[in-house]
């Protein structure tokens, strides 16, 4: 009997598929972290802008 050997391309595609499956399993956790970090960064940026505007108003006397 002859044993059929997989091509290197097929083996590579199998590895990529396995990695994608692991990523899909972790996607909800990654998405939650992204939302959390994005909201924290937005709040920090908004706070910096508000402080900058307050300083500008103080210097201008408005």
N, C-alpha and C. Protein backbone atom coordinates (compact mmCIF):
# COMPACT_ATOMS: atom_id res chain seq x y z
N UNK A 1 0.83 -1.18 0.00
CA UNK A 1 0.00 0.00 0.00
C UNK A 1 0.88 1.25 0.00
N UNK A 2 0.43 2.19 -0.75
CA UNK A 2 1.17 3.45 -0.78
C UNK A 2 0.49 4.45 0.15
N UNK A 3 1.31 5.14 0.87
CA UNK A 3 0.79 6.13 1.82
C UNK A 3 0.85 7.50 1.16
N UNK A 4 -0.28 8.18 1.12
CA UNK A 4 -0.34 9.48 0.49
C UNK A 4 0.16 10.54 1.48
N UNK A 5 1.13 11.34 1.05
CA UNK A 5 1.70 12.35 1.91
C UNK A 5 1.09 13.71 1.57
N UNK A 6 0.79 14.48 2.62
CA UNK A 6 0.23 15.81 2.40
C UNK A 6 1.29 16.76 1.87
N UNK A 7 0.85 17.69 1.05
CA UNK A 7 1.78 18.68 0.52
C UNK A 7 2.11 19.70 1.62
N UNK A 8 3.24 20.40 1.47
CA UNK A 8 3.59 21.42 2.47
C UNK A 8 2.55 22.53 2.55
N UNK A 9 1.92 22.85 1.43
CA UNK A 9 0.89 23.88 1.41
C UNK A 9 -0.32 23.45 2.24
N UNK A 10 -0.68 22.18 2.09
CA UNK A 10 -1.83 21.66 2.84
C UNK A 10 -1.54 21.66 4.34
N UNK A 11 -0.34 21.27 4.71
CA UNK A 11 0.05 21.28 6.12
C UNK A 11 0.02 22.70 6.68
N UNK A 12 0.50 23.65 5.89
CA UNK A 12 0.49 25.05 6.32
C UNK A 12 -0.94 25.55 6.50
N UNK A 13 -1.82 25.19 5.58
CA UNK A 13 -3.22 25.60 5.71
C UNK A 13 -3.87 24.98 6.94
N UNK A 14 -3.50 23.76 7.27
CA UNK A 14 -4.03 23.11 8.47
C UNK A 14 -3.58 23.86 9.72
N UNK A 15 -2.31 24.29 9.77
CA UNK A 15 -1.81 25.05 10.91
C UNK A 15 -2.53 26.38 11.04
N UNK A 16 -2.73 27.06 9.91
CA UNK A 16 -3.43 28.35 9.93
C UNK A 16 -4.86 28.15 10.43
N UNK A 17 -5.51 27.10 9.96
CA UNK A 17 -6.88 26.82 10.38
C UNK A 17 -6.95 26.58 11.89
N UNK A 18 -5.99 25.85 12.43
CA UNK A 18 -5.96 25.61 13.88
C UNK A 18 -5.80 26.89 14.66
N UNK A 19 -4.94 27.77 14.17
CA UNK A 19 -4.74 29.05 14.86
C UNK A 19 -6.00 29.91 14.81
N UNK A 20 -6.67 29.91 13.67
CA UNK A 20 -7.91 30.68 13.56
C UNK A 20 -8.99 30.15 14.50
N UNK A 21 -9.05 28.85 14.63
CA UNK A 21 -10.04 28.26 15.55
C UNK A 21 -9.77 28.69 16.99
N UNK A 22 -8.49 28.69 17.39
CA UNK A 22 -8.15 29.14 18.75
C UNK A 22 -8.49 30.61 18.93
N UNK A 23 -8.25 31.42 17.90
CA UNK A 23 -8.57 32.84 17.98
C UNK A 23 -10.08 33.05 18.11
N UNK A 24 -10.86 32.29 17.34
CA UNK A 24 -12.31 32.41 17.40
C UNK A 24 -12.85 32.05 18.77
N UNK A 25 -12.20 31.10 19.44
CA UNK A 25 -12.64 30.73 20.79
C UNK A 25 -12.38 31.86 21.78
N UNK A 26 -11.29 32.59 21.58
CA UNK A 26 -10.92 33.67 22.51
C UNK A 26 -11.50 35.02 22.11
N UNK A 27 -12.16 35.12 20.96
CA UNK A 27 -12.62 36.41 20.45
C UNK A 27 -13.52 37.17 21.42
N UNK A 28 -14.49 36.54 22.10
CA UNK A 28 -15.32 37.33 23.03
C UNK A 28 -14.50 38.00 24.14
N UNK A 29 -13.47 37.31 24.65
CA UNK A 29 -12.62 37.91 25.67
C UNK A 29 -11.83 39.08 25.11
N UNK A 30 -11.30 38.91 23.91
CA UNK A 30 -10.52 39.97 23.28
C UNK A 30 -11.41 41.17 22.99
N UNK A 31 -12.63 40.91 22.54
CA UNK A 31 -13.56 42.00 22.23
C UNK A 31 -13.91 42.78 23.50
N UNK A 32 -14.13 42.09 24.60
CA UNK A 32 -14.44 42.76 25.87
C UNK A 32 -13.29 43.66 26.30
N UNK A 33 -12.06 43.15 26.19
CA UNK A 33 -10.90 43.94 26.56
C UNK A 33 -10.76 45.16 25.66
N UNK A 34 -11.02 45.00 24.38
CA UNK A 34 -10.91 46.12 23.44
C UNK A 34 -11.92 47.21 23.77
N UNK A 35 -13.13 46.82 24.12
CA UNK A 35 -14.15 47.81 24.49
C UNK A 35 -13.74 48.52 25.77
N UNK A 36 -13.25 47.77 26.74
CA UNK A 36 -12.83 48.36 28.01
C UNK A 36 -11.68 49.34 27.81
N UNK A 37 -10.65 48.92 27.09
CA UNK A 37 -9.49 49.78 26.87
C UNK A 37 -9.87 50.99 26.01
N UNK A 38 -10.72 50.80 25.04
CA UNK A 38 -11.15 51.92 24.19
C UNK A 38 -11.93 52.95 24.96
N UNK A 39 -12.82 52.50 25.83
CA UNK A 39 -13.59 53.46 26.62
C UNK A 39 -12.71 54.19 27.62
N UNK A 40 -11.73 53.48 28.20
CA UNK A 40 -10.80 54.14 29.13
C UNK A 40 -9.95 55.17 28.40
N UNK A 41 -9.48 54.85 27.21
CA UNK A 41 -8.68 55.80 26.44
C UNK A 41 -9.52 57.01 26.04
N UNK A 42 -10.77 56.79 25.67
CA UNK A 42 -11.65 57.90 25.32
C UNK A 42 -11.92 58.81 26.50
N UNK A 43 -12.13 58.23 27.66
CA UNK A 43 -12.37 59.03 28.86
C UNK A 43 -11.12 59.84 29.22
N UNK A 44 -9.97 59.24 29.12
CA UNK A 44 -8.72 59.94 29.42
C UNK A 44 -8.49 61.08 28.43
N UNK A 45 -8.70 60.83 27.16
CA UNK A 45 -8.53 61.87 26.15
C UNK A 45 -9.52 63.01 26.38
N UNK A 46 -10.75 62.68 26.69
CA UNK A 46 -11.74 63.71 26.97
C UNK A 46 -11.37 64.55 28.19
N UNK A 47 -10.84 63.90 29.21
CA UNK A 47 -10.41 64.62 30.41
C UNK A 47 -9.25 65.56 30.11
N UNK A 48 -8.31 65.11 29.28
CA UNK A 48 -7.19 65.97 28.90
C UNK A 48 -7.66 67.18 28.10
N UNK A 49 -8.58 66.98 27.20
CA UNK A 49 -9.12 68.10 26.41
C UNK A 49 -9.85 69.08 27.32
N UNK A 50 -10.65 68.57 28.25
CA UNK A 50 -11.38 69.44 29.17
C UNK A 50 -10.41 70.25 30.02
N UNK A 51 -9.34 69.62 30.50
CA UNK A 51 -8.34 70.35 31.29
C UNK A 51 -7.64 71.40 30.44
N UNK A 52 -7.33 71.07 29.22
CA UNK A 52 -6.70 72.03 28.32
C UNK A 52 -7.58 73.23 28.06
N UNK A 53 -8.85 72.99 27.86
CA UNK A 53 -9.79 74.09 27.65
C UNK A 53 -9.93 74.94 28.91
N UNK A 54 -9.94 74.31 30.06
CA UNK A 54 -10.05 75.05 31.31
C UNK A 54 -8.82 75.94 31.52
N UNK A 55 -7.64 75.43 31.22
CA UNK A 55 -6.43 76.21 31.34
C UNK A 55 -6.44 77.38 30.35
N UNK A 56 -6.87 77.14 29.14
CA UNK A 56 -6.95 78.20 28.14
C UNK A 56 -7.93 79.28 28.58
N UNK A 57 -9.06 78.89 29.14
CA UNK A 57 -10.04 79.88 29.60
C UNK A 57 -9.47 80.72 30.75
N UNK A 58 -8.74 80.07 31.65
CA UNK A 58 -8.14 80.78 32.77
C UNK A 58 -7.12 81.82 32.27
N UNK A 59 -6.31 81.42 31.32
CA UNK A 59 -5.27 82.32 30.79
C UNK A 59 -5.90 83.48 30.02
N UNK A 60 -7.00 83.21 29.32
CA UNK A 60 -7.65 84.26 28.55
C UNK A 60 -8.59 85.09 29.41
N UNK A 61 -8.92 84.63 30.59
CA UNK A 61 -9.82 85.36 31.48
C UNK A 61 -11.28 85.28 31.07
N UNK A 62 -11.64 84.22 30.44
CA UNK A 62 -13.04 84.06 29.99
C UNK A 62 -13.83 83.36 31.07
